[in-house]
Amino acid sequence: MDNTVKLPIGIEDFEEIRTEGFYYVDKTGMITELLHNWGKVNLFTRPRRFGKSLNMSMLKYFFSYDSDPALFDGLAVSREKELCEKYMGKFPVIRDEARRFRFLLEEGELSEEEEKDYRALIETLPMRDLDIPVSEGIIRGSLWLLSELLSRHYGQKVILLIDEYDVPLDKAQQYGYYDQMVNLIRGLFAQALKTNENLFLAVLTGCLWVAKESIFTGLNNFHVMSITNVRFDEHFGFSNTEVRAMLEYYGLESHYGQIKEWYDGYRFGNTDVYCPWDVINYVSQLRFEPDTLPRAYWINSSGNAIIRTLLQKADEQTMAELDQLANGLPVTKEICEELTYRELYDSVDNLWSVLYTTGYLTKRKEVALNTYELVIPNQEIRVIFTEQILSWFQEEARKDVSTLDAFCEAFRTGDAPLIEQKFTAYLKKTISIRDTAVRKEKKENFYHGILLGLLSHRRDQVLKSSAQTGDGYSDILVKIPSLSMGIVIELKYSESRNLEAACQKALEQIEKKDYEEEFLDDDITTIRKYGIACRRRSCMVRMGQ
């Protein structure tokens, strides 16, 4: 095999991956397990970017009449000869849209009434993004109608694949038509999944199982495989073995530790998995930039409003629990996997369940029925938490203009006790980052970010962060042209309670590395130097000579 094989970033079509020279992590064992452990209607709930859509595409190409069996050559399922002979390429598969089956009109098999119903259905589809009302009855009966027509045409029951079934519910909740969407989907599924004699097998995916809305009520052969279920636990996400094989293939074994720290840590059922989206993106970068550092790819693939909402609703207890999580410690929570979209943000308790089911938290162990020890899974999610917390904190701090003005003014007047008092007050409103697995400079970055955000409030001063000056890089430099003033700030994280020693070390570093050199050629007549030491939610401020 040639190690120039491309990595499938953002490609979710199984045929394209298999025919256009992309690297593929074999998940066809899912087909074998699905057929050996029969369930007529199957729902898989997983966080975003864990391979749900690609697996659904794989199922389509395996079962569909019009697919090429050669796509599965050399894959795990191809070794199941009897199973492939019985099921591969034997079914009409409904996955995309009704217009794909226009041949039903051309075959002359439809009655006048059936042709009318089918034309009514396909003519609604181009209007889905327009403000044109369509018949709700047509949509409710659409999957049943397609099943009926295709089953009769092929003389075979159909397979129905519905990817991200709950996305319309999420959008409807955001835009104010949730009840109507629930009723529509309930009616659609009642006909397609419950009373459909032409259905052979249905597979659905989503992030949440919204059981309380009775969307799946009455399904006697309905299997839900959530992230707590041990069945199918290895078929979404990459295993440790799969990641090692990919790194070996591309000659990147030396980066295993980084990838494990940043993208491993999720637990589905009894299996530990990596986020595929992150691994593929980072390995792709490493192939061409071997020195590139890991980054949070997952955060850019969707919004992170869930964390922001949690912070907005947080009381003292919740902030303390967030502090535990940020420091690598678990919190114990009862998890409800059957939340509806209308309930998600009703209370902080519900938000813990959402953080778990959507991948921001993962379980360490089950301590009682539906109760788990939850942790932040890896460094990437810790970065997301930190960035969201800093952003939220800065927004909240800016609302109190008078306090911020007083804080910034204290740096100008040399009032170290007031700086210490107000910075401590700010720290008590947020959380600390002191995980033992995080290097000291990473801990300092958190406090650095808070302080930089607070000082950016004043528009009559110029800030430089981690600027090269003298013989090194200072933490924060502040230039105030109207006052001919420069301020040098060096921040230290103290591993012990001896904040005084950390402050003195910061001031000594300012002098030793000559950080004030930045101001000497700019007609700056007054220079103030501050050493600031932080530990958890405490700080000390000392002013130099």
Protein backbone atom coordinates (compact mmCIF):
# COMPACT_ATOMS: atom_id res chain seq x y z
CA MET A 1 0.00 0.00 0.00
CA ASP A 2 1.23 3.48 -0.89
CA ASN A 3 1.55 5.88 2.06
CA THR A 4 0.38 8.73 -0.15
CA VAL A 5 -3.20 7.56 0.40
CA LYS A 6 -5.25 10.64 1.26
CA LEU A 7 -7.06 11.17 4.54
CA PRO A 8 -10.85 11.63 4.18
CA ILE A 9 -11.39 15.00 5.86
CA GLY A 10 -15.08 15.82 5.73
CA ILE A 11 -15.86 12.97 3.31
CA GLU A 12 -18.83 10.91 4.47
CA ASP A 13 -19.55 8.93 1.30
CA PHE A 14 -18.34 5.33 1.62
CA GLU A 15 -18.08 4.77 -2.14
CA GLU A 16 -15.93 7.88 -2.63
CA ILE A 17 -13.56 6.82 0.14
CA ARG A 18 -13.21 3.31 -1.28
CA THR A 19 -12.80 4.29 -4.93
CA GLU A 20 -10.85 7.56 -4.77
CA GLY A 21 -7.83 6.43 -2.78
CA PHE A 22 -8.69 7.51 0.77
CA TYR A 23 -7.56 5.86 4.00
CA TYR A 24 -10.41 3.87 5.54
CA VAL A 25 -10.68 2.56 9.08
CA ASP A 26 -12.70 -0.63 8.69
CA LYS A 27 -16.03 -0.36 10.51
CA THR A 28 -17.87 -3.00 8.47
CA GLY A 29 -18.04 -5.22 11.54
CA MET A 30 -21.07 -3.07 12.37
CA ILE A 31 -22.95 -4.74 9.49
CA THR A 32 -22.20 -8.20 10.83
CA GLU A 33 -23.27 -7.31 14.34
CA LEU A 34 -26.40 -5.55 13.09
CA LEU A 35 -27.54 -8.62 11.16
CA HIS A 36 -26.54 -11.20 13.76
CA ASN A 37 -28.26 -9.32 16.60
CA TRP A 38 -31.52 -8.54 14.91
CA GLY A 39 -33.55 -5.44 15.62
CA LYS A 40 -36.08 -4.16 13.10
CA VAL A 41 -35.67 -0.50 14.17
CA ASN A 42 -32.27 0.55 15.56
CA LEU A 43 -31.25 3.95 16.94
CA PHE A 44 -27.59 4.86 17.51
CA THR A 45 -26.92 7.99 19.57
CA ARG A 46 -23.38 9.39 19.47
CA PRO A 47 -21.75 12.85 19.68
CA ARG A 48 -21.09 14.75 16.47
CA ARG A 49 -18.03 13.88 14.41
CA PHE A 50 -17.82 10.24 15.52
CA GLY A 51 -18.57 8.63 12.15
CA LYS A 52 -22.36 8.29 12.21
CA SER A 53 -22.92 9.56 8.65
CA LEU A 54 -20.07 7.51 7.16
CA ASN A 55 -21.43 4.36 8.80
CA MET A 56 -24.88 5.10 7.40
CA SER A 57 -23.35 5.50 3.93
CA MET A 58 -21.56 2.19 4.43
CA LEU A 59 -24.87 0.48 5.25
CA LYS A 60 -26.47 1.99 2.16
CA TYR A 61 -23.78 0.65 -0.18
CA PHE A 62 -23.82 -2.78 1.43
CA PHE A 63 -27.57 -3.38 1.19
CA SER A 64 -28.54 -1.40 -1.91
CA TYR A 65 -29.43 -3.06 -5.22
CA ASP A 66 -27.43 -0.57 -7.26
CA SER A 67 -24.10 -0.67 -5.39
CA ASP A 68 -20.85 -2.41 -6.28
CA PRO A 69 -19.92 -5.42 -4.06
CA ALA A 70 -16.25 -4.76 -4.85
CA LEU A 71 -16.41 -1.78 -2.48
CA PHE A 72 -16.18 -4.26 0.40
CA ASP A 73 -13.31 -6.37 -0.93
CA GLY A 74 -10.74 -6.98 1.78
CA LEU A 75 -12.91 -5.56 4.57
CA ALA A 76 -14.06 -7.48 7.64
CA VAL A 77 -17.60 -8.07 6.42
CA SER A 78 -16.35 -9.72 3.20
CA ARG A 79 -15.16 -12.66 5.29
CA GLU A 80 -18.78 -13.36 6.27
CA LYS A 81 -19.52 -15.26 3.06
CA GLU A 82 -22.97 -16.57 3.98
CA LEU A 83 -24.10 -13.20 5.32
CA CYS A 84 -22.90 -11.37 2.19
CA GLU A 85 -24.59 -13.88 -0.08
CA LYS A 86 -27.89 -13.40 1.73
CA TYR A 87 -27.95 -9.64 2.27
CA MET A 88 -25.41 -7.75 0.15
CA GLY A 89 -27.01 -5.84 -2.71
CA LYS A 90 -30.44 -7.35 -2.10
CA PHE A 91 -32.59 -4.39 -0.97
CA PRO A 92 -34.08 -1.10 -2.05
CA VAL A 93 -32.59 1.43 0.38
CA ILE A 94 -34.21 4.74 1.27
CA ARG A 95 -31.56 7.14 2.56
CA ASP A 96 -31.39 10.32 0.52
CA GLU A 97 -34.47 11.87 -1.06
CA ALA A 98 -37.55 10.82 -3.01
CA ARG A 99 -36.37 12.30 -6.30
CA ARG A 100 -33.75 9.53 -6.54
CA PHE A 101 -36.57 7.11 -7.33
CA ARG A 102 -38.10 8.92 -10.33
CA PHE A 103 -37.82 5.69 -12.30
CA LEU A 104 -41.00 4.62 -10.51
CA LEU A 105 -42.87 7.08 -12.72
CA GLU A 106 -41.17 5.80 -15.85
CA GLU A 107 -41.86 2.11 -15.31
CA GLY A 108 -45.61 2.53 -15.69
CA GLU A 109 -46.36 0.49 -12.57
CA LEU A 110 -48.18 3.16 -10.58
CA SER A 111 -51.91 3.66 -10.49
CA GLU A 112 -53.24 7.10 -11.28
CA GLU A 113 -53.71 7.84 -7.57
CA GLU A 114 -50.23 6.56 -6.66
CA GLU A 115 -48.63 8.62 -9.41
CA LYS A 116 -50.49 11.67 -8.12
CA ASP A 117 -49.26 11.06 -4.55
CA TYR A 118 -45.67 10.45 -5.67
CA ARG A 119 -45.59 13.56 -7.85
CA ALA A 120 -46.99 15.58 -4.95
CA LEU A 121 -44.19 14.27 -2.75
CA ILE A 122 -41.26 14.98 -5.07
CA GLU A 123 -42.61 18.40 -5.98
CA THR A 124 -42.45 19.51 -2.32
CA LEU A 125 -38.73 18.75 -2.01
CA PRO A 126 -37.27 21.71 -3.94
CA MET A 127 -39.38 24.02 -1.77
CA ARG A 128 -37.95 22.95 1.58
CA ASP A 129 -35.79 26.07 1.93
CA LEU A 130 -38.52 28.46 0.77
CA ASP A 131 -41.49 29.99 2.56
CA ILE A 132 -43.93 27.84 0.61
CA PRO A 133 -46.37 25.72 2.66
CA VAL A 134 -46.58 22.04 1.73
CA SER A 135 -49.08 19.46 2.76
CA GLU A 136 -48.23 17.98 6.14
CA GLY A 137 -50.12 14.88 5.16
CA ILE A 138 -47.82 14.33 2.18
CA ILE A 139 -44.73 14.55 4.39
CA ARG A 140 -46.20 12.30 7.10
CA GLY A 141 -46.90 9.59 4.57
CA SER A 142 -43.78 10.08 2.45
CA LEU A 143 -41.60 7.27 3.81
CA TRP A 144 -44.50 4.86 3.92
CA LEU A 145 -45.38 5.71 0.31
CA LEU A 146 -41.81 5.20 -0.90
CA SER A 147 -41.62 1.91 0.99
CA GLU A 148 -44.85 0.69 -0.58
CA LEU A 149 -43.87 1.65 -4.13
CA LEU A 150 -40.28 0.36 -3.93
CA SER A 151 -41.25 -2.87 -2.23
CA ARG A 152 -43.77 -3.64 -4.94
CA HIS A 153 -41.34 -2.66 -7.72
CA TYR A 154 -38.51 -4.88 -6.46
CA GLY A 155 -40.56 -7.59 -4.80
CA GLN A 156 -38.50 -7.02 -1.65
CA LYS A 157 -39.03 -5.16 1.61
CA VAL A 158 -37.05 -1.94 2.03
CA ILE A 159 -34.28 -0.74 4.30
CA LEU A 160 -34.73 2.75 5.73
CA LEU A 161 -31.72 4.83 6.87
CA ILE A 162 -32.38 8.12 8.68
CA ASP A 163 -29.24 10.05 9.63
CA GLU A 164 -29.29 12.74 12.35
CA TYR A 165 -33.01 12.25 12.91
CA ASP A 166 -33.08 14.76 15.78
CA VAL A 167 -31.54 17.74 13.92
CA PRO A 168 -34.98 19.03 12.80
CA LEU A 169 -36.09 18.97 16.45
CA ASP A 170 -33.06 20.97 17.51
CA LYS A 171 -33.65 23.56 14.79
CA ALA A 172 -37.37 23.71 15.56
CA GLN A 173 -36.65 24.40 19.23
CA GLN A 174 -34.29 27.23 18.27
CA TYR A 175 -36.77 28.88 15.91
CA GLY A 176 -40.02 28.41 17.75
CA TYR A 177 -41.97 25.64 15.99
CA TYR A 178 -41.01 22.68 18.18
CA ASP A 179 -44.51 21.31 18.88
CA GLN A 180 -45.36 21.27 15.18
CA MET A 181 -42.12 19.45 14.34
CA VAL A 182 -42.66 16.86 17.08
CA ASN A 183 -46.14 16.13 15.75
CA LEU A 184 -44.85 15.88 12.19
CA ILE A 185 -42.00 13.48 13.03
CA ARG A 186 -44.24 11.43 15.32
CA GLY A 187 -46.71 10.96 12.46
CA LEU A 188 -43.92 10.28 9.94
CA PHE A 189 -42.32 7.60 12.10
CA ALA A 190 -45.64 6.03 13.11
CA GLN A 191 -46.35 5.24 9.47
CA ALA A 192 -42.77 4.46 8.39
CA LEU A 193 -41.58 2.43 11.38
CA LYS A 194 -44.62 1.12 13.24
CA THR A 195 -47.32 0.21 10.73
CA ASN A 196 -45.14 -0.35 7.67
CA GLU A 197 -45.44 -3.94 6.46
CA ASN A 198 -42.97 -3.18 3.69
CA LEU A 199 -40.12 -2.40 6.10
CA PHE A 200 -37.30 -4.93 6.50
CA LEU A 201 -34.87 -2.90 8.61
CA ALA A 202 -34.50 0.70 9.81
CA VAL A 203 -31.40 2.40 11.22
CA LEU A 204 -31.47 5.90 12.69
CA THR A 205 -28.70 8.05 14.16
CA GLY A 206 -28.74 11.16 16.32
CA CYS A 207 -27.15 12.91 19.27
CA LEU A 208 -30.09 12.48 21.65
CA TRP A 209 -32.80 9.91 22.25
CA VAL A 210 -35.89 12.07 22.72
CA ALA A 211 -38.03 9.25 24.09
CA LYS A 212 -40.30 11.51 26.15
CA GLU A 213 -41.84 12.97 22.99
CA SER A 214 -43.33 9.53 22.18
CA ILE A 215 -41.80 9.63 18.70
CA PHE A 216 -41.00 5.92 18.94
CA THR A 217 -44.03 4.84 20.98
CA GLY A 218 -45.47 1.47 20.02
CA LEU A 219 -42.37 0.07 18.31
CA ASN A 220 -42.15 -3.50 19.58
CA ASN A 221 -38.77 -4.30 18.05
CA PHE A 222 -36.92 -1.07 18.80
CA HIS A 223 -33.28 -1.15 19.89
CA VAL A 224 -31.50 1.93 21.29
CA MET A 225 -27.70 1.83 21.32
CA SER A 226 -26.57 4.90 23.26
CA ILE A 227 -23.07 5.76 24.47
CA THR A 228 -23.71 3.79 27.67
CA ASN A 229 -24.59 0.61 25.77
CA VAL A 230 -21.89 -2.02 25.26
CA ARG A 231 -23.39 -3.18 21.97
CA PHE A 232 -21.75 -1.63 18.91
CA ASP A 233 -19.43 0.31 21.24
CA GLU A 234 -16.38 -0.17 18.98
CA HIS A 235 -18.06 0.83 15.71
CA PHE A 236 -18.11 4.62 16.28
CA GLY A 237 -14.84 6.39 16.96
CA PHE A 238 -11.31 5.02 16.59
CA SER A 239 -9.83 2.44 18.92
CA ASN A 240 -6.29 2.63 20.24
CA THR A 241 -5.27 -0.14 17.83
CA GLU A 242 -6.78 1.71 14.87
CA VAL A 243 -4.98 4.95 15.76
CA ARG A 244 -1.64 3.17 16.16
CA ALA A 245 -2.14 1.47 12.78
CA MET A 246 -2.83 4.82 11.08
CA LEU A 247 0.24 6.43 12.63
CA GLU A 248 2.42 3.48 11.62
CA TYR A 249 1.06 3.61 8.07
CA TYR A 250 2.06 7.27 7.71
CA GLY A 251 5.31 6.94 9.67
CA LEU A 252 4.09 9.18 12.50
CA GLU A 253 4.42 6.81 15.46
CA SER A 254 6.37 9.40 17.46
CA HIS A 255 3.21 11.54 17.74
CA TYR A 256 1.16 8.85 19.46
CA GLY A 257 1.50 10.43 22.91
CA GLN A 258 0.26 13.83 21.71
CA ILE A 259 -2.72 12.32 19.91
CA LYS A 260 -3.67 10.22 22.91
CA GLU A 261 -3.48 13.20 25.28
CA TRP A 262 -5.53 15.44 23.02
CA TYR A 263 -8.10 13.21 21.32
CA ASP A 264 -8.53 9.98 23.34
CA GLY A 265 -10.52 9.52 26.52
CA TYR A 266 -14.10 8.94 25.35
CA ARG A 267 -15.83 5.83 26.64
CA PHE A 268 -18.68 4.22 24.71
CA GLY A 269 -20.04 1.19 26.52
CA ASN A 270 -16.88 -0.57 27.70
CA THR A 271 -14.63 0.72 24.92
CA ASP A 272 -12.22 3.67 25.03
CA VAL A 273 -12.24 5.62 21.77
CA TYR A 274 -10.68 8.62 20.05
CA CYS A 275 -12.61 11.28 18.14
CA PRO A 276 -12.09 10.36 14.44
CA TRP A 277 -12.54 13.94 13.20
CA ASP A 278 -9.63 15.15 15.33
CA VAL A 279 -7.30 12.25 14.60
CA ILE A 280 -7.80 12.49 10.83
CA ASN A 281 -7.34 16.28 10.80
CA TYR A 282 -4.21 16.21 12.95
CA VAL A 283 -2.58 13.30 11.11
CA SER A 284 -3.28 15.11 7.83
CA GLN A 285 -1.49 18.20 9.17
CA LEU A 286 1.42 16.15 10.49
CA ARG A 287 2.05 14.56 7.09
CA PHE A 288 3.06 17.95 5.68
CA GLU A 289 4.02 19.87 8.85
CA PRO A 290 5.74 17.38 11.20
CA ASP A 291 6.25 20.04 13.88
CA THR A 292 2.64 21.24 13.99
CA LEU A 293 1.09 21.15 17.45
CA PRO A 294 -2.28 19.59 18.32
CA ARG A 295 -5.28 21.89 18.24
CA ALA A 296 -8.98 21.79 18.96
CA TYR A 297 -10.45 20.77 15.60
CA TRP A 298 -13.77 19.68 17.10
CA ILE A 299 -14.64 23.18 18.34
CA ASN A 300 -14.62 24.49 14.76
CA SER A 301 -17.04 21.85 13.49
CA SER A 302 -20.01 23.22 15.43
CA GLY A 303 -20.99 25.78 18.01
CA ASN A 304 -20.34 25.34 21.72
CA ALA A 305 -23.40 27.10 23.12
CA ILE A 306 -24.01 24.29 25.60
CA ILE A 307 -21.04 25.29 27.78
CA ARG A 308 -22.00 28.95 27.58
CA THR A 309 -25.56 28.15 28.69
CA LEU A 310 -24.24 26.08 31.58
CA LEU A 311 -22.06 28.98 32.73
CA GLN A 312 -24.97 31.41 32.52
CA LYS A 313 -27.07 29.16 34.76
CA ALA A 314 -24.24 28.24 37.12
CA ASP A 315 -24.58 28.78 40.85
CA GLU A 316 -21.75 28.44 43.40
CA GLN A 317 -22.13 24.65 43.47
CA THR A 318 -21.94 24.37 39.69
CA MET A 319 -18.86 26.62 39.52
CA ALA A 320 -17.18 24.43 42.13
CA GLU A 321 -17.99 21.35 40.04
CA LEU A 322 -16.64 23.00 36.90
CA ASP A 323 -13.50 23.76 38.91
CA GLN A 324 -13.21 20.06 39.76
CA LEU A 325 -13.59 19.06 36.11
CA ALA A 326 -11.07 21.62 34.89
CA ASN A 327 -8.58 20.26 37.42
CA GLY A 328 -8.96 16.68 36.16
CA LEU A 329 -11.24 15.53 38.96
CA PRO A 330 -14.57 13.75 38.39
CA VAL A 331 -18.06 14.92 39.28
CA THR A 332 -20.82 12.43 40.00
CA LYS A 333 -24.11 13.04 38.21
CA GLU A 334 -27.32 11.21 37.44
CA ILE A 335 -27.72 11.14 33.68
CA CYS A 336 -30.98 11.21 31.75
CA GLU A 337 -30.57 10.02 28.17
CA GLU A 338 -34.22 10.61 27.30
CA LEU A 339 -34.30 14.40 27.44
CA THR A 340 -36.39 16.33 24.95
CA TYR A 341 -35.01 19.38 23.17
CA ARG A 342 -37.47 21.57 25.03
CA GLU A 343 -35.99 20.39 28.34
CA LEU A 344 -32.29 20.78 27.56
CA TYR A 345 -31.80 24.21 29.11
CA ASP A 346 -34.54 24.09 31.76
CA SER A 347 -32.08 23.43 34.56
CA VAL A 348 -28.39 22.94 35.28
CA ASP A 349 -29.11 19.28 36.10
CA ASN A 350 -30.27 18.67 32.53
CA LEU A 351 -27.19 20.38 31.14
CA TRP A 352 -24.91 17.80 32.74
CA SER A 353 -26.76 15.12 30.78
CA VAL A 354 -26.39 17.15 27.59
CA LEU A 355 -22.65 17.66 28.15
CA TYR A 356 -22.30 13.91 28.57
CA THR A 357 -24.38 12.78 25.59
CA THR A 358 -22.85 15.34 23.23
CA GLY A 359 -19.22 14.49 24.05
CA TYR A 360 -18.03 17.31 26.31
CA LEU A 361 -17.84 14.91 29.24
CA THR A 362 -17.34 11.16 29.39
CA LYS A 363 -17.86 8.53 32.05
CA ARG A 364 -15.10 7.16 34.20
CA LYS A 365 -17.33 4.59 35.88
CA GLU A 366 -20.93 3.87 36.80
CA VAL A 367 -21.54 4.31 40.53
CA ALA A 368 -25.28 3.55 40.58
CA LEU A 369 -28.11 3.07 38.12
CA ASN A 370 -27.88 5.92 35.57
CA THR A 371 -25.32 7.68 37.80
CA TYR A 372 -21.75 8.14 36.61
CA GLU A 373 -18.44 9.67 37.53
CA LEU A 374 -17.92 12.18 34.71
CA VAL A 375 -14.65 13.75 33.56
CA ILE A 376 -13.39 15.98 30.75
CA PRO A 377 -12.14 13.35 28.27
CA ASN A 378 -8.98 14.95 26.93
CA GLN A 379 -6.85 18.05 26.40
CA GLU A 380 -8.89 19.25 23.43
CA ILE A 381 -12.12 19.46 25.44
CA ARG A 382 -10.21 21.07 28.31
CA VAL A 383 -9.09 23.77 25.86
CA ILE A 384 -12.70 24.23 24.71
CA PHE A 385 -13.89 24.56 28.31
CA THR A 386 -11.11 27.04 29.10
CA GLU A 387 -11.74 29.20 26.04
CA GLN A 388 -15.48 29.25 26.61
CA ILE A 389 -15.04 30.08 30.30
CA LEU A 390 -12.61 32.91 29.54
CA SER A 391 -14.91 34.33 26.87
CA TRP A 392 -17.94 34.14 29.16
CA PHE A 393 -16.02 35.64 32.08
CA GLN A 394 -14.79 38.58 30.04
CA GLU A 395 -18.30 39.31 28.80
CA GLU A 396 -19.61 39.23 32.36
CA ALA A 397 -16.78 41.41 33.67
CA ARG A 398 -17.36 44.08 31.00
CA LYS A 399 -20.89 44.62 32.26
CA ASP A 400 -19.48 46.24 35.43
CA VAL A 401 -17.73 49.22 33.85
CA SER A 402 -16.98 51.09 37.08
CA THR A 403 -15.21 48.11 38.66
CA LEU A 404 -13.17 47.51 35.53
CA ASP A 405 -12.19 51.18 35.37
CA ALA A 406 -11.04 51.08 38.99
CA PHE A 407 -9.05 47.89 38.34
CA CYS A 408 -7.25 49.33 35.29
CA GLU A 409 -6.64 52.65 37.09
CA ALA A 410 -4.96 50.86 39.99
CA PHE A 411 -2.17 49.70 37.66
CA ARG A 412 -1.54 53.29 36.66
CA THR A 413 -1.50 54.72 40.20
CA GLY A 414 0.67 51.93 41.61
CA ASP A 415 -2.01 50.67 44.02
CA ALA A 416 -0.88 47.04 44.32
CA PRO A 417 -3.26 46.20 47.24
CA LEU A 418 -6.27 47.36 45.19
CA ILE A 419 -5.12 45.34 42.16
CA GLU A 420 -4.78 42.29 44.40
CA GLN A 421 -8.20 42.80 45.96
CA LYS A 422 -10.05 43.23 42.68
CA PHE A 423 -8.18 40.52 40.77
CA THR A 424 -8.92 38.06 43.57
CA ALA A 425 -12.58 39.02 43.38
CA TYR A 426 -12.57 38.33 39.64
CA LEU A 427 -10.86 34.98 40.13
CA LYS A 428 -13.50 33.89 42.60
CA LYS A 429 -16.11 34.32 39.86
CA THR A 430 -14.39 31.87 37.54
CA ILE A 431 -12.46 28.64 37.94
CA SER A 432 -8.84 27.62 38.20
CA ILE A 433 -6.92 25.33 35.89
CA ARG A 434 -4.37 23.33 37.85
CA ASP A 435 -4.51 19.80 36.47
CA THR A 436 -1.34 17.94 37.41
CA ALA A 437 -1.14 16.66 33.83
CA VAL A 438 -0.88 20.23 32.56
CA ARG A 439 2.52 21.91 32.48
CA LYS A 440 3.03 24.92 34.74
CA GLU A 441 3.16 27.35 31.82
CA LYS A 442 -0.26 26.11 30.70
CA LYS A 443 -1.67 26.94 34.13
CA GLU A 444 -0.15 30.40 33.92
CA ASN A 445 -1.78 30.87 30.50
CA PHE A 446 -5.23 30.65 32.04
CA TYR A 447 -4.59 33.53 34.47
CA HIS A 448 -2.71 35.40 31.77
CA GLY A 449 -5.83 35.22 29.60
CA ILE A 450 -8.09 36.51 32.36
CA LEU A 451 -5.81 39.46 33.15
CA LEU A 452 -5.29 40.35 29.50
CA GLY A 453 -9.04 40.34 28.92
CA LEU A 454 -9.66 42.65 31.87
CA LEU A 455 -6.96 45.13 30.86
CA SER A 456 -8.27 45.27 27.29
CA HIS A 457 -11.25 47.21 28.66
CA ARG A 458 -9.35 50.52 28.42
CA ARG A 459 -9.03 51.86 24.86
CA ASP A 460 -6.48 54.55 25.72
CA GLN A 461 -3.69 52.03 26.21
CA VAL A 462 -1.79 49.59 23.98
CA LEU A 463 -1.40 45.99 25.14
CA LYS A 464 1.25 43.50 24.06
CA SER A 465 1.05 39.86 25.13
CA SER A 466 4.13 37.61 25.30
CA ALA A 467 6.12 40.31 23.51
CA GLN A 468 9.84 39.99 22.82
CA THR A 469 11.70 42.63 24.75
CA GLY A 470 15.11 42.81 26.40
CA ASP A 471 16.47 39.29 26.73
CA GLY A 472 13.19 37.41 26.65
CA TYR A 473 9.43 37.52 26.35
CA SER A 474 7.42 39.49 28.88
CA ASP A 475 3.91 38.35 29.85
CA ILE A 476 2.08 41.66 29.40
CA LEU A 477 3.29 45.11 28.40
CA VAL A 478 0.98 48.13 28.68
CA LYS A 479 1.78 51.44 27.01
CA ILE A 480 -0.27 54.55 27.90
CA PRO A 481 0.84 57.33 25.49
CA SER A 482 -1.26 60.08 27.11
CA LEU A 483 0.55 59.56 30.44
CA SER A 484 3.98 58.70 28.97
CA MET A 485 3.68 55.54 31.07
CA GLY A 486 4.70 51.92 30.53
CA ILE A 487 3.63 48.96 32.66
CA VAL A 488 5.43 45.59 32.81
CA ILE A 489 3.51 42.62 34.24
CA GLU A 490 5.02 39.22 34.91
CA LEU A 491 2.65 36.51 36.13
CA LYS A 492 3.57 33.29 37.92
CA TYR A 493 1.58 30.25 38.96
CA SER A 494 2.55 29.14 42.46
CA GLU A 495 2.54 25.38 43.13
CA SER A 496 2.73 26.12 46.86
CA ARG A 497 1.00 28.60 49.16
CA ASN A 498 4.09 30.80 49.16
CA LEU A 499 2.75 33.48 46.82
CA GLU A 500 5.23 36.02 48.14
CA ALA A 501 8.16 34.01 46.78
CA ALA A 502 6.47 33.68 43.39
CA CYS A 503 5.90 37.44 43.24
CA GLN A 504 9.54 38.14 44.00
CA LYS A 505 10.62 35.64 41.36
CA ALA A 506 8.43 37.46 38.81
CA LEU A 507 9.96 40.84 39.72
CA GLU A 508 13.48 39.42 39.56
CA GLN A 509 12.75 38.08 36.07
CA ILE A 510 11.61 41.53 34.93
CA GLU A 511 14.91 43.01 36.05
CA LYS A 512 17.15 40.17 34.94
CA LYS A 513 15.71 40.01 31.43
CA ASP A 514 15.41 43.81 31.11
CA TYR A 515 11.75 43.75 30.05
CA GLU A 516 11.47 47.55 30.39
CA GLU A 517 13.72 48.00 27.37
CA GLU A 518 10.57 48.13 25.20
CA PHE A 519 9.76 51.55 26.65
CA LEU A 520 13.19 53.22 26.75
CA ASP A 521 13.12 54.57 23.20
CA ASP A 522 9.51 55.76 23.29
CA ASP A 523 9.74 58.85 25.51
CA ILE A 524 8.22 56.88 28.41
CA THR A 525 8.92 58.78 31.61
CA THR A 526 7.15 56.49 34.10
CA ILE A 527 7.55 52.71 34.24
CA ARG A 528 5.66 50.49 36.70
CA LYS A 529 6.59 46.85 37.28
CA TYR A 530 4.28 44.24 38.80
CA GLY A 531 4.91 40.67 39.86
CA ILE A 532 1.64 38.74 40.18
CA ALA A 533 1.38 35.26 41.67
CA CYS A 534 -1.76 33.11 41.35
CA ARG A 535 -2.85 29.85 42.90
CA ARG A 536 -6.33 28.50 42.26
CA ARG A 537 -8.64 31.47 43.07
CA SER A 538 -6.11 33.48 45.04
CA CYS A 539 -3.52 36.00 43.96
CA MET A 540 -0.85 38.30 45.34
CA VAL A 541 0.47 41.48 43.70
CA ARG A 542 3.79 43.12 44.43
CA MET A 543 5.19 46.24 42.80
CA GLY A 544 8.85 46.55 41.85
CA GLN A 545 11.19 49.52 42.04
